[in-house]
Amino acid sequence: MGIVNIEDDLHDQLRRASKVSFRSINAQAAYWIKLGMLCETNPGLNFQEIVERELRAAGVRARPLIESEA
């Protein structure tokens, strides 16, 4: 484990986001870092597609709130 130097404003944003997301500041930073890496390595996918893929990979069966009418 290492120490990461970040700007005070970014740390403040992490602190605020962590409260909303019910994560620790470190967990929020790790989430943003992982998400950023996934976005950079999968430029053809949007945020929702990345989240759905990660949930499937973790064995989570996410269902849409509203089923499409077919």
Protein backbone atom coordinates (compact mmCIF):
# COMPACT_ATOMS: atom_id res chain seq x y z
CA MET A 1 0.00 0.00 0.00
CA GLY A 2 1.26 3.45 -0.80
CA ILE A 3 0.43 7.04 -0.18
CA VAL A 4 -1.10 9.11 -2.97
CA ASN A 5 -0.71 12.88 -2.99
CA ILE A 6 -3.85 14.61 -4.24
CA GLU A 7 -4.98 18.22 -4.28
CA ASP A 8 -6.99 19.48 -1.33
CA ASP A 9 -10.01 20.18 -3.55
CA LEU A 10 -10.04 16.61 -4.88
CA HIS A 11 -9.77 15.27 -1.33
CA ASP A 12 -12.75 17.43 -0.36
CA GLN A 13 -14.72 16.05 -3.32
CA LEU A 14 -13.78 12.51 -2.24
CA ARG A 15 -14.97 13.22 1.30
CA ARG A 16 -18.30 14.58 0.06
CA ALA A 17 -18.86 11.77 -2.45
CA SER A 18 -17.99 9.12 0.13
CA LYS A 19 -20.79 10.34 2.40
CA VAL A 20 -23.34 10.13 -0.40
CA SER A 21 -22.09 6.70 -1.49
CA PHE A 22 -21.78 5.35 2.08
CA ARG A 23 -18.11 4.54 1.50
CA SER A 24 -14.95 5.48 3.33
CA ILE A 25 -12.81 8.14 1.66
CA ASN A 26 -10.29 5.44 0.69
CA ALA A 27 -13.03 3.20 -0.73
CA GLN A 28 -14.42 6.12 -2.76
CA ALA A 29 -10.96 6.89 -4.14
CA ALA A 30 -10.44 3.22 -5.03
CA TYR A 31 -13.85 3.15 -6.76
CA TRP A 32 -13.04 6.23 -8.83
CA ILE A 33 -9.61 4.86 -9.73
CA LYS A 34 -10.99 1.47 -10.80
CA LEU A 35 -13.80 3.08 -12.76
CA GLY A 36 -11.33 5.37 -14.50
CA MET A 37 -9.14 2.42 -15.45
CA LEU A 38 -12.16 0.51 -16.78
CA CYS A 39 -13.25 3.53 -18.84
CA GLU A 40 -9.79 4.01 -20.31
CA THR A 41 -9.40 0.33 -21.20
CA ASN A 42 -12.95 0.04 -22.58
CA PRO A 43 -13.54 3.26 -24.53
CA GLY A 44 -16.39 1.69 -26.53
CA LEU A 45 -18.51 1.10 -23.41
CA ASN A 46 -20.54 3.68 -21.55
CA PHE A 47 -20.74 3.91 -17.75
CA GLN A 48 -23.89 1.79 -17.49
CA GLU A 49 -22.43 -0.95 -19.68
CA ILE A 50 -19.28 -1.05 -17.55
CA VAL A 51 -21.29 -1.28 -14.32
CA GLU A 52 -23.52 -4.02 -15.75
CA ARG A 53 -20.46 -5.98 -16.90
CA GLU A 54 -18.78 -5.67 -13.52
CA LEU A 55 -21.96 -6.72 -11.69
CA ARG A 56 -22.30 -9.79 -13.94
CA ALA A 57 -18.65 -10.67 -13.37
CA ALA A 58 -19.29 -10.49 -9.61
CA GLY A 59 -22.29 -12.80 -9.94
CA VAL A 60 -24.90 -10.12 -9.27
CA ARG A 61 -28.14 -10.48 -11.18
CA ALA A 62 -29.26 -6.90 -11.73
CA ARG A 63 -32.69 -6.47 -13.23
CA PRO A 64 -34.09 -3.29 -14.72
CA LEU A 65 -36.72 -1.53 -12.60
CA ILE A 66 -39.03 -1.26 -15.59
CA GLU A 67 -39.25 -4.18 -17.98
CA SER A 68 -39.31 -3.13 -21.61
CA GLU A 69 -42.58 -3.76 -23.36
CA ALA A 70 -42.13 -6.15 -26.26
